[in-house]
Protein backbone atom coordinates (compact mmCIF):
# COMPACT_ATOMS: atom_id res chain seq x y z
CA MET A 1 -7.37 -39.62 -1.01
CA SER A 2 -4.48 -40.84 1.10
CA ASN A 3 -1.57 -38.72 2.28
CA SER A 4 0.84 -40.76 0.15
CA ALA A 5 -1.20 -40.01 -2.99
CA ILE A 6 -1.13 -36.29 -2.18
CA LEU A 7 2.63 -36.38 -1.59
CA LYS A 8 3.16 -38.25 -4.89
CA GLY A 9 1.10 -35.59 -6.70
CA ILE A 10 3.16 -32.80 -5.17
CA PHE A 11 6.39 -34.64 -5.97
CA TYR A 12 5.46 -35.22 -9.64
CA SER A 13 4.28 -31.62 -10.00
CA PHE A 14 7.62 -30.41 -8.63
CA ILE A 15 9.56 -32.67 -11.04
CA PHE A 16 7.44 -31.50 -13.99
CA LEU A 17 7.94 -27.81 -13.15
CA THR A 18 11.65 -28.36 -12.63
CA LEU A 19 12.17 -30.18 -15.94
CA PHE A 20 9.71 -28.25 -18.13
CA PRO A 21 9.34 -24.67 -16.81
CA SER A 22 9.11 -23.25 -20.34
CA LEU A 23 5.84 -25.11 -20.90
CA ILE A 24 4.26 -23.25 -17.99
CA PHE A 25 5.96 -19.86 -18.12
CA SER A 26 6.40 -19.34 -21.87
CA GLN A 27 3.13 -17.39 -22.06
CA VAL A 28 4.08 -14.89 -19.34
CA ASN A 29 4.55 -11.33 -20.57
CA ILE A 30 6.87 -9.10 -18.58
CA THR A 31 6.43 -5.35 -18.87
CA GLN A 32 9.13 -3.05 -17.53
CA ILE A 33 7.37 0.08 -16.33
CA THR A 34 10.41 2.20 -15.47
CA ASN A 35 14.09 2.18 -16.28
CA THR A 36 15.49 4.69 -13.81
CA GLU A 37 18.48 3.85 -11.65
CA TYR A 38 16.54 4.71 -8.50
CA GLN A 39 14.60 2.43 -6.24
CA GLN A 40 10.92 1.74 -6.85
CA THR A 41 8.97 0.05 -4.03
CA ASN A 42 5.53 -0.65 -2.60
CA PRO A 43 3.54 -1.27 -5.80
CA ALA A 44 -0.25 -1.49 -5.88
CA ILE A 45 -2.55 -2.11 -8.84
CA TRP A 46 -6.15 -1.46 -9.75
CA ASP A 47 -7.47 -2.40 -13.19
CA SER A 48 -4.74 -1.19 -15.58
CA ILE A 49 -3.07 1.38 -13.30
CA ILE A 50 -0.03 0.59 -11.18
CA VAL A 51 1.06 3.02 -8.47
CA TYR A 52 4.42 2.82 -6.73
CA GLN A 53 6.85 4.68 -4.51
CA ASP A 54 9.66 6.15 -6.61
CA GLY A 55 13.04 7.34 -5.32
CA ARG A 56 14.23 9.41 -8.27
CA ASN A 57 13.95 12.66 -6.26
CA SER A 58 15.63 11.34 -3.13
CA THR A 59 18.91 12.89 -2.10
CA ALA A 60 22.00 11.39 -0.54
CA ILE A 61 21.52 13.44 2.63
CA PRO A 62 20.39 11.15 5.47
CA PHE A 63 16.80 11.69 6.62
CA HIS A 64 16.07 13.87 3.61
CA LEU A 65 14.18 11.39 1.49
CA GLN A 66 11.88 12.75 -1.16
CA ASP A 67 10.23 9.68 -2.64
CA MET A 68 7.16 10.42 -4.70
CA ILE A 69 4.17 8.43 -5.87
CA ARG A 70 4.09 7.59 -9.56
CA SER A 71 1.61 5.71 -11.70
CA TYR A 72 1.92 3.61 -14.82
CA ASN A 73 -1.05 2.95 -17.08
CA LEU A 74 -0.72 -0.46 -18.74
CA ASN A 75 -3.12 0.53 -21.55
CA THR A 76 -1.49 3.82 -22.54
CA GLN A 77 2.03 2.87 -21.33
CA LYS A 78 2.23 6.31 -19.72
CA ASP A 79 4.31 6.84 -16.55
CA THR A 80 3.39 9.95 -14.56
CA THR A 81 3.89 11.54 -11.16
CA VAL A 82 0.63 11.23 -9.22
CA TYR A 83 1.22 14.16 -6.91
CA PHE A 84 4.51 15.60 -5.74
CA LEU A 85 5.46 17.79 -2.85
CA PRO A 86 9.02 17.94 -1.51
CA TYR A 87 8.23 15.40 1.21
CA HIS A 88 8.68 11.67 1.57
CA GLN A 89 5.58 9.96 0.11
CA THR A 90 5.23 6.25 0.91
CA PHE A 91 2.93 3.21 0.87
CA PRO A 92 0.61 4.06 -2.04
CA ASP A 93 -2.62 2.23 -2.76
CA ILE A 94 -5.18 2.71 -5.52
CA TRP A 95 -8.85 2.05 -6.12
CA ASN A 96 -10.60 3.23 -9.23
CA ASN A 97 -9.00 6.65 -9.85
CA LYS A 98 -8.16 7.48 -6.25
CA VAL A 99 -4.64 7.07 -4.87
CA VAL A 100 -3.81 7.19 -1.14
CA TRP A 101 -0.40 7.42 0.52
CA MET A 102 1.43 8.30 3.71
CA GLU A 103 3.35 11.57 3.85
CA ARG A 104 4.91 13.22 6.93
CA ASP A 105 3.07 10.70 9.16
CA ASN A 106 -0.33 11.69 7.69
CA ILE A 107 -2.69 10.21 5.09
CA TYR A 108 -3.49 11.91 1.77
CA MET A 109 -5.52 11.09 -1.32
CA PHE A 110 -5.32 12.21 -4.93
CA ASP A 111 -8.23 11.91 -7.35
CA ILE A 112 -6.68 11.29 -10.77
CA LEU A 113 -9.82 12.20 -12.73
CA GLY A 114 -10.61 15.27 -10.64
CA ASN A 115 -6.92 16.26 -10.50
CA SER A 116 -7.33 17.15 -6.82
CA GLU A 117 -5.52 16.30 -3.58
CA LYS A 118 -7.31 15.81 -0.26
CA THR A 119 -5.97 15.52 3.26
CA ILE A 120 -7.54 12.44 4.86
CA CYS A 121 -5.95 12.54 8.31
CA GLU A 122 -3.51 14.90 10.03
CA ALA A 123 -4.07 13.77 13.62
CA SER A 124 -1.35 13.74 16.26
CA GLY A 125 0.89 10.70 16.19
CA LYS A 126 1.76 8.66 13.15
CA GLN A 127 -0.74 7.44 10.57
CA SER A 128 0.59 4.79 8.18
CA PHE A 129 -0.08 1.97 5.71
CA PRO A 130 -3.23 3.35 4.06
CA LYS A 131 -5.49 1.13 1.95
CA ILE A 132 -8.46 2.20 -0.17
CA GLU A 133 -11.43 0.30 -1.53
CA VAL A 134 -14.61 1.78 -2.98
CA ASN A 135 -15.32 4.79 -0.70
CA TYR A 136 -13.32 3.62 2.31
CA ILE A 137 -9.76 4.41 3.36
CA VAL A 138 -8.27 2.54 6.33
CA TRP A 139 -4.91 3.00 8.05
CA GLN A 140 -2.86 2.17 11.11
CA ASP A 141 -2.99 5.02 13.61
CA GLU A 142 -0.73 5.83 16.57
CA ARG A 143 -2.55 8.88 17.92
CA THR A 144 -3.27 7.16 21.26
CA SER A 145 -0.30 4.81 21.48
CA THR A 146 2.84 4.00 19.52
CA SER A 147 3.16 0.53 21.02
CA ASN A 148 -0.49 -0.43 20.43
CA PRO A 149 -1.71 1.38 17.31
CA GLY A 150 -5.36 1.43 16.34
CA ILE A 151 -7.18 1.26 13.01
CA TYR A 152 -9.18 4.16 11.62
CA MET A 153 -11.39 4.45 8.55
CA TYR A 154 -12.42 7.44 6.49
CA ASP A 155 -15.69 7.26 4.54
CA LEU A 156 -15.34 9.37 1.38
CA SER A 157 -19.11 9.47 0.79
CA THR A 158 -19.89 10.99 4.22
CA GLU A 159 -16.45 12.54 4.88
CA ASN A 160 -16.44 10.99 8.35
CA GLU A 161 -13.52 9.42 10.18
CA ILE A 162 -14.42 6.32 12.20
CA LEU A 163 -12.42 4.48 14.84
CA ILE A 164 -12.45 0.79 13.92
CA ALA A 165 -10.10 -0.71 16.51
CA ASP A 166 -8.43 1.05 19.41
CA ASN A 167 -5.88 -1.41 20.75
CA PHE A 168 -4.63 1.07 23.36
CA THR A 169 -8.05 1.27 25.05
CA ALA A 170 -8.46 -2.52 24.79
CA LYS A 171 -5.04 -3.00 26.44
CA GLN A 172 -5.92 -0.52 29.21
CA GLU A 173 -9.16 -2.42 29.88
CA LYS A 174 -7.31 -5.75 29.96
CA ASP A 175 -4.66 -4.32 32.33
CA ARG A 176 -7.40 -2.86 34.57
CA LYS A 177 -9.17 -6.23 34.80
CA SER A 178 -5.93 -8.07 35.63
CA VAL A 179 -5.29 -5.67 38.56
CA VAL A 180 -8.78 -6.17 40.05
């Protein structure tokens, strides 16, 4: 197929979507999961459960944020607080019935079915942006360097923390070789 045929296809698709958007988007269902006046950010979804960062407990005092992690079940239409302590909880992720988040520069997990919270990592430095899948939790970790963070993983089945990528050590090795 020639480039001109591809460009014509893109052009006609654009014209069609511009003139007839209702034909494409009329079947889209929009579900509002919260109606608070506060900010909701960082959503994640697994199956029928959405988790998100919710600001309804934040205060107007600078540096005194108290966002919490909430969940919304699309099947039951129930909105609940996953786990709340008076600290700033951010960057939630979910897999199956386990929710992970960052709080006070550490990584935590809550098992919805077991109704239990678990500390995943409280190392020195900042741990952030956790993700969970099956039995593995990964996150960005600044315990060795803030300018070159590494990646760590926690295996829930063995309860072991594993260093995946240590960019600080790799940078030191590169700098050492460039000096020699």
